[in-house]
N, C-alpha and C. Protein backbone atom coordinates (compact mmCIF):
# COMPACT_ATOMS: atom_id res chain seq x y z
N UNK A 1 0.83 -1.19 0.00
CA UNK A 1 0.00 0.00 0.00
C UNK A 1 0.87 1.24 0.00
N UNK A 2 0.53 2.18 -0.85
CA UNK A 2 1.26 3.44 -0.93
C UNK A 2 0.68 4.42 0.09
N UNK A 3 1.56 5.06 0.80
CA UNK A 3 1.11 6.05 1.78
C UNK A 3 0.40 7.19 1.08
N UNK A 4 -0.71 7.69 1.65
CA UNK A 4 -1.43 8.78 1.01
C UNK A 4 -0.64 10.08 1.11
N UNK A 5 -0.87 10.94 0.14
CA UNK A 5 -0.25 12.27 0.14
C UNK A 5 -1.11 13.23 0.95
N UNK A 6 -0.54 14.35 1.32
CA UNK A 6 -1.29 15.36 2.07
C UNK A 6 -2.56 15.79 1.32
N UNK A 7 -2.48 16.08 0.01
CA UNK A 7 -3.72 16.45 -0.69
C UNK A 7 -4.77 15.33 -0.67
N UNK A 8 -4.34 14.09 -0.76
CA UNK A 8 -5.29 12.98 -0.69
C UNK A 8 -5.96 12.89 0.68
N UNK A 9 -5.19 13.14 1.72
CA UNK A 9 -5.75 13.12 3.08
C UNK A 9 -6.75 14.26 3.25
N UNK A 10 -6.41 15.45 2.76
CA UNK A 10 -7.33 16.59 2.85
C UNK A 10 -8.63 16.31 2.10
N UNK A 11 -8.52 15.73 0.92
CA UNK A 11 -9.70 15.40 0.13
C UNK A 11 -10.55 14.35 0.84
N UNK A 12 -9.90 13.34 1.40
CA UNK A 12 -10.64 12.30 2.13
C UNK A 12 -11.34 12.87 3.36
N UNK A 13 -10.69 13.79 4.05
CA UNK A 13 -11.31 14.43 5.22
C UNK A 13 -12.52 15.25 4.79
N UNK A 14 -12.40 15.98 3.69
CA UNK A 14 -13.53 16.76 3.18
C UNK A 14 -14.68 15.84 2.77
N UNK A 15 -14.35 14.72 2.15
CA UNK A 15 -15.37 13.74 1.77
C UNK A 15 -16.07 13.18 3.01
N UNK A 16 -15.31 12.92 4.07
CA UNK A 16 -15.90 12.42 5.32
C UNK A 16 -16.86 13.44 5.93
N UNK A 17 -16.47 14.70 5.93
CA UNK A 17 -17.34 15.75 6.46
C UNK A 17 -18.64 15.79 5.66
N UNK A 18 -18.54 15.75 4.34
CA UNK A 18 -19.73 15.78 3.49
C UNK A 18 -20.61 14.56 3.72
N UNK A 19 -19.99 13.39 3.86
CA UNK A 19 -20.75 12.16 4.07
C UNK A 19 -21.49 12.19 5.41
N UNK A 20 -20.84 12.68 6.43
CA UNK A 20 -21.51 12.78 7.74
C UNK A 20 -22.69 13.73 7.68
N UNK A 21 -22.57 14.80 6.88
CA UNK A 21 -23.69 15.72 6.71
C UNK A 21 -24.88 15.00 6.09
N UNK A 22 -24.61 14.17 5.10
CA UNK A 22 -25.69 13.42 4.46
C UNK A 22 -26.33 12.42 5.42
N UNK A 23 -25.50 11.75 6.21
CA UNK A 23 -26.00 10.75 7.15
C UNK A 23 -26.86 11.38 8.24
N UNK A 24 -26.52 12.59 8.64
CA UNK A 24 -27.22 13.26 9.74
C UNK A 24 -28.36 14.13 9.23
N UNK A 25 -28.44 14.30 7.90
CA UNK A 25 -29.51 15.05 7.25
C UNK A 25 -29.69 16.45 7.83
N UNK A 26 -28.59 17.15 7.96
CA UNK A 26 -28.62 18.53 8.43
C UNK A 26 -28.37 19.45 7.23
N UNK A 27 -29.23 20.41 6.97
CA UNK A 27 -29.08 21.26 5.79
C UNK A 27 -27.74 21.99 5.73
N UNK A 28 -27.18 22.36 6.87
CA UNK A 28 -25.91 23.09 6.87
C UNK A 28 -24.73 22.18 7.13
N UNK A 29 -24.93 20.89 7.09
CA UNK A 29 -23.87 19.93 7.38
C UNK A 29 -23.96 19.46 8.81
N UNK A 30 -23.29 18.38 9.09
CA UNK A 30 -23.34 17.80 10.43
C UNK A 30 -22.40 18.59 11.33
N UNK A 31 -22.96 19.40 12.18
CA UNK A 31 -22.18 20.24 13.08
C UNK A 31 -22.72 20.06 14.49
N UNK A 32 -22.36 18.99 15.12
CA UNK A 32 -22.89 18.67 16.45
C UNK A 32 -22.04 19.23 17.59
N UNK A 33 -20.90 19.80 17.28
CA UNK A 33 -20.01 20.25 18.35
C UNK A 33 -20.62 21.39 19.16
N UNK A 34 -21.33 22.29 18.53
CA UNK A 34 -21.93 23.41 19.29
C UNK A 34 -22.89 22.87 20.35
N UNK A 35 -23.72 21.89 19.98
CA UNK A 35 -24.63 21.29 20.95
C UNK A 35 -23.86 20.53 22.02
N UNK A 36 -22.79 19.88 21.62
CA UNK A 36 -21.99 19.10 22.56
C UNK A 36 -21.35 20.00 23.62
N UNK A 37 -20.71 21.09 23.19
CA UNK A 37 -20.06 21.97 24.17
C UNK A 37 -21.09 22.70 25.02
N UNK A 38 -22.26 23.00 24.46
CA UNK A 38 -23.31 23.64 25.27
C UNK A 38 -23.73 22.69 26.40
N UNK A 39 -23.90 21.41 26.08
CA UNK A 39 -24.28 20.44 27.11
C UNK A 39 -23.15 20.26 28.13
N UNK A 40 -21.91 20.19 27.65
CA UNK A 40 -20.76 20.04 28.53
C UNK A 40 -20.66 21.24 29.48
N UNK A 41 -20.79 22.44 28.91
CA UNK A 41 -20.72 23.65 29.73
C UNK A 41 -21.82 23.67 30.79
N UNK A 42 -23.02 23.25 30.41
CA UNK A 42 -24.13 23.22 31.37
C UNK A 42 -23.88 22.19 32.47
N UNK A 43 -23.33 21.05 32.10
CA UNK A 43 -23.10 19.99 33.08
C UNK A 43 -21.98 20.31 34.05
N UNK A 44 -20.93 20.98 33.55
CA UNK A 44 -19.73 21.15 34.36
C UNK A 44 -19.42 22.60 34.72
N UNK A 45 -20.29 23.52 34.34
CA UNK A 45 -20.08 24.92 34.69
C UNK A 45 -18.87 25.53 34.02
N UNK A 46 -18.52 25.03 32.87
CA UNK A 46 -17.37 25.56 32.13
C UNK A 46 -17.88 26.49 31.04
N UNK A 47 -16.97 27.02 30.26
CA UNK A 47 -17.34 27.94 29.19
C UNK A 47 -16.44 27.72 27.98
N UNK A 48 -16.28 26.45 27.57
CA UNK A 48 -15.44 26.20 26.40
C UNK A 48 -16.23 26.58 25.14
N UNK A 49 -15.49 26.90 24.11
CA UNK A 49 -16.10 27.30 22.85
C UNK A 49 -16.20 26.09 21.92
N UNK A 50 -16.93 26.28 20.84
CA UNK A 50 -17.02 25.22 19.84
C UNK A 50 -15.65 24.89 19.26
N UNK A 51 -14.86 25.92 18.97
CA UNK A 51 -13.53 25.64 18.40
C UNK A 51 -12.66 24.88 19.40
N UNK A 52 -12.80 25.16 20.68
CA UNK A 52 -12.06 24.41 21.70
C UNK A 52 -12.55 22.96 21.76
N UNK A 53 -13.82 22.75 21.52
CA UNK A 53 -14.34 21.38 21.46
C UNK A 53 -13.68 20.59 20.35
N UNK A 54 -13.53 21.21 19.18
CA UNK A 54 -12.85 20.53 18.07
C UNK A 54 -11.37 20.30 18.41
N UNK A 55 -10.74 21.24 19.09
CA UNK A 55 -9.35 21.06 19.50
C UNK A 55 -9.22 19.88 20.46
N UNK A 56 -10.19 19.74 21.35
CA UNK A 56 -10.22 18.59 22.26
C UNK A 56 -10.26 17.29 21.46
N UNK A 57 -11.10 17.25 20.43
CA UNK A 57 -11.20 16.04 19.62
C UNK A 57 -9.89 15.77 18.87
N UNK A 58 -9.22 16.83 18.43
CA UNK A 58 -7.91 16.64 17.80
C UNK A 58 -6.93 16.01 18.79
N UNK A 59 -6.94 16.50 20.03
CA UNK A 59 -6.06 15.94 21.05
C UNK A 59 -6.38 14.47 21.32
N UNK A 60 -7.65 14.12 21.31
CA UNK A 60 -8.04 12.72 21.48
C UNK A 60 -7.43 11.87 20.38
N UNK A 61 -7.54 12.31 19.15
CA UNK A 61 -6.98 11.55 18.03
C UNK A 61 -5.46 11.51 18.10
N UNK A 62 -4.84 12.61 18.54
CA UNK A 62 -3.39 12.62 18.69
C UNK A 62 -2.96 11.64 19.77
N UNK A 63 -3.71 11.59 20.86
CA UNK A 63 -3.41 10.66 21.95
C UNK A 63 -3.53 9.22 21.48
N UNK A 64 -4.59 8.93 20.76
CA UNK A 64 -4.75 7.58 20.22
C UNK A 64 -3.62 7.23 19.26
N UNK A 65 -3.25 8.19 18.43
CA UNK A 65 -2.18 7.95 17.47
C UNK A 65 -0.84 7.69 18.14
N UNK A 66 -0.63 8.29 19.29
CA UNK A 66 0.63 8.12 20.01
C UNK A 66 0.66 6.83 20.82
N UNK A 67 -0.50 6.20 20.98
CA UNK A 67 -0.59 5.05 21.88
C UNK A 67 -0.36 3.70 21.22
N UNK A 68 -0.22 3.69 19.93
CA UNK A 68 -0.07 2.38 19.30
C UNK A 68 0.35 2.49 17.86
N UNK A 69 -0.03 1.50 17.10
CA UNK A 69 0.35 1.46 15.70
C UNK A 69 -0.47 2.45 14.88
N UNK A 70 -0.02 2.67 13.68
CA UNK A 70 -0.67 3.62 12.77
C UNK A 70 -2.07 3.16 12.40
N UNK A 71 -3.04 4.06 12.56
CA UNK A 71 -4.40 3.86 12.07
C UNK A 71 -4.77 5.10 11.28
N UNK A 72 -5.00 4.93 10.00
CA UNK A 72 -5.30 6.06 9.13
C UNK A 72 -6.46 6.89 9.67
N UNK A 73 -7.45 6.24 10.27
CA UNK A 73 -8.62 6.93 10.80
C UNK A 73 -8.25 8.02 11.81
N UNK A 74 -7.26 7.76 12.65
CA UNK A 74 -6.85 8.77 13.63
C UNK A 74 -6.43 10.06 12.94
N UNK A 75 -5.67 9.93 11.89
CA UNK A 75 -5.13 11.09 11.19
C UNK A 75 -6.17 11.74 10.29
N UNK A 76 -7.01 10.93 9.68
CA UNK A 76 -8.07 11.47 8.83
C UNK A 76 -9.06 12.27 9.67
N UNK A 77 -9.50 11.71 10.78
CA UNK A 77 -10.43 12.44 11.66
C UNK A 77 -9.78 13.70 12.21
N UNK A 78 -8.53 13.61 12.59
CA UNK A 78 -7.83 14.79 13.13
C UNK A 78 -7.79 15.91 12.10
N UNK A 79 -7.57 15.55 10.85
CA UNK A 79 -7.56 16.53 9.77
C UNK A 79 -8.93 17.19 9.63
N UNK A 80 -9.98 16.37 9.67
CA UNK A 80 -11.34 16.90 9.57
C UNK A 80 -11.65 17.80 10.77
N UNK A 81 -11.25 17.37 11.96
CA UNK A 81 -11.50 18.17 13.16
C UNK A 81 -10.78 19.51 13.09
N UNK A 82 -9.58 19.52 12.53
CA UNK A 82 -8.84 20.79 12.38
C UNK A 82 -9.61 21.74 11.47
N UNK A 83 -10.15 21.22 10.38
CA UNK A 83 -10.92 22.07 9.45
C UNK A 83 -12.20 22.57 10.11
N UNK A 84 -12.89 21.68 10.82
CA UNK A 84 -14.12 22.08 11.51
C UNK A 84 -13.82 23.09 12.61
N UNK A 85 -12.69 22.92 13.28
CA UNK A 85 -12.28 23.88 14.30
C UNK A 85 -11.96 25.23 13.71
N UNK A 86 -11.31 25.24 12.55
CA UNK A 86 -11.00 26.51 11.88
C UNK A 86 -12.29 27.22 11.47
N UNK A 87 -13.25 26.45 10.97
CA UNK A 87 -14.55 27.01 10.60
C UNK A 87 -15.23 27.64 11.82
N UNK A 88 -15.24 26.92 12.93
CA UNK A 88 -15.86 27.42 14.16
C UNK A 88 -15.13 28.66 14.67
N UNK A 89 -13.81 28.65 14.64
CA UNK A 89 -13.03 29.80 15.12
C UNK A 89 -13.34 31.05 14.29
N UNK A 90 -13.48 30.87 12.99
CA UNK A 90 -13.81 32.02 12.13
C UNK A 90 -15.19 32.57 12.48
N UNK A 91 -16.15 31.69 12.75
CA UNK A 91 -17.48 32.15 13.17
C UNK A 91 -17.41 32.87 14.51
N UNK A 92 -16.61 32.35 15.43
CA UNK A 92 -16.48 32.97 16.75
C UNK A 92 -15.89 34.37 16.64
N UNK A 93 -14.92 34.56 15.78
CA UNK A 93 -14.32 35.89 15.56
C UNK A 93 -15.36 36.81 14.94
N UNK A 94 -16.10 36.31 13.95
CA UNK A 94 -17.14 37.13 13.30
C UNK A 94 -18.21 37.54 14.31
N UNK A 95 -18.54 36.65 15.25
CA UNK A 95 -19.56 36.95 16.25
C UNK A 95 -19.12 38.05 17.20
N UNK A 96 -17.81 38.18 17.38
CA UNK A 96 -17.27 39.20 18.29
C UNK A 96 -17.06 40.54 17.60
N UNK A 97 -17.10 40.53 16.28
CA UNK A 97 -16.82 41.77 15.52
C UNK A 97 -18.02 42.69 15.47
């Protein structure tokens, strides 16, 4: 098996994001992190942002990747989470402007 290139990984991550949107049938795409962090904040009295939620998920995938052998899924998901986090961060900045 040939190792994937960075552009192939980015394309696969984008395809995964699109596929999850179809599976969840959300008109704006599957974006469950805002609901997740709202529930987390309510449960634990914290105030993390959506972009921080995506960063947390990146750290989870990084931790898994460091704990054993290579699994493409860890890196593919981490790539998707980085893009989703960037999207959320841009919205957060726009909301403050």
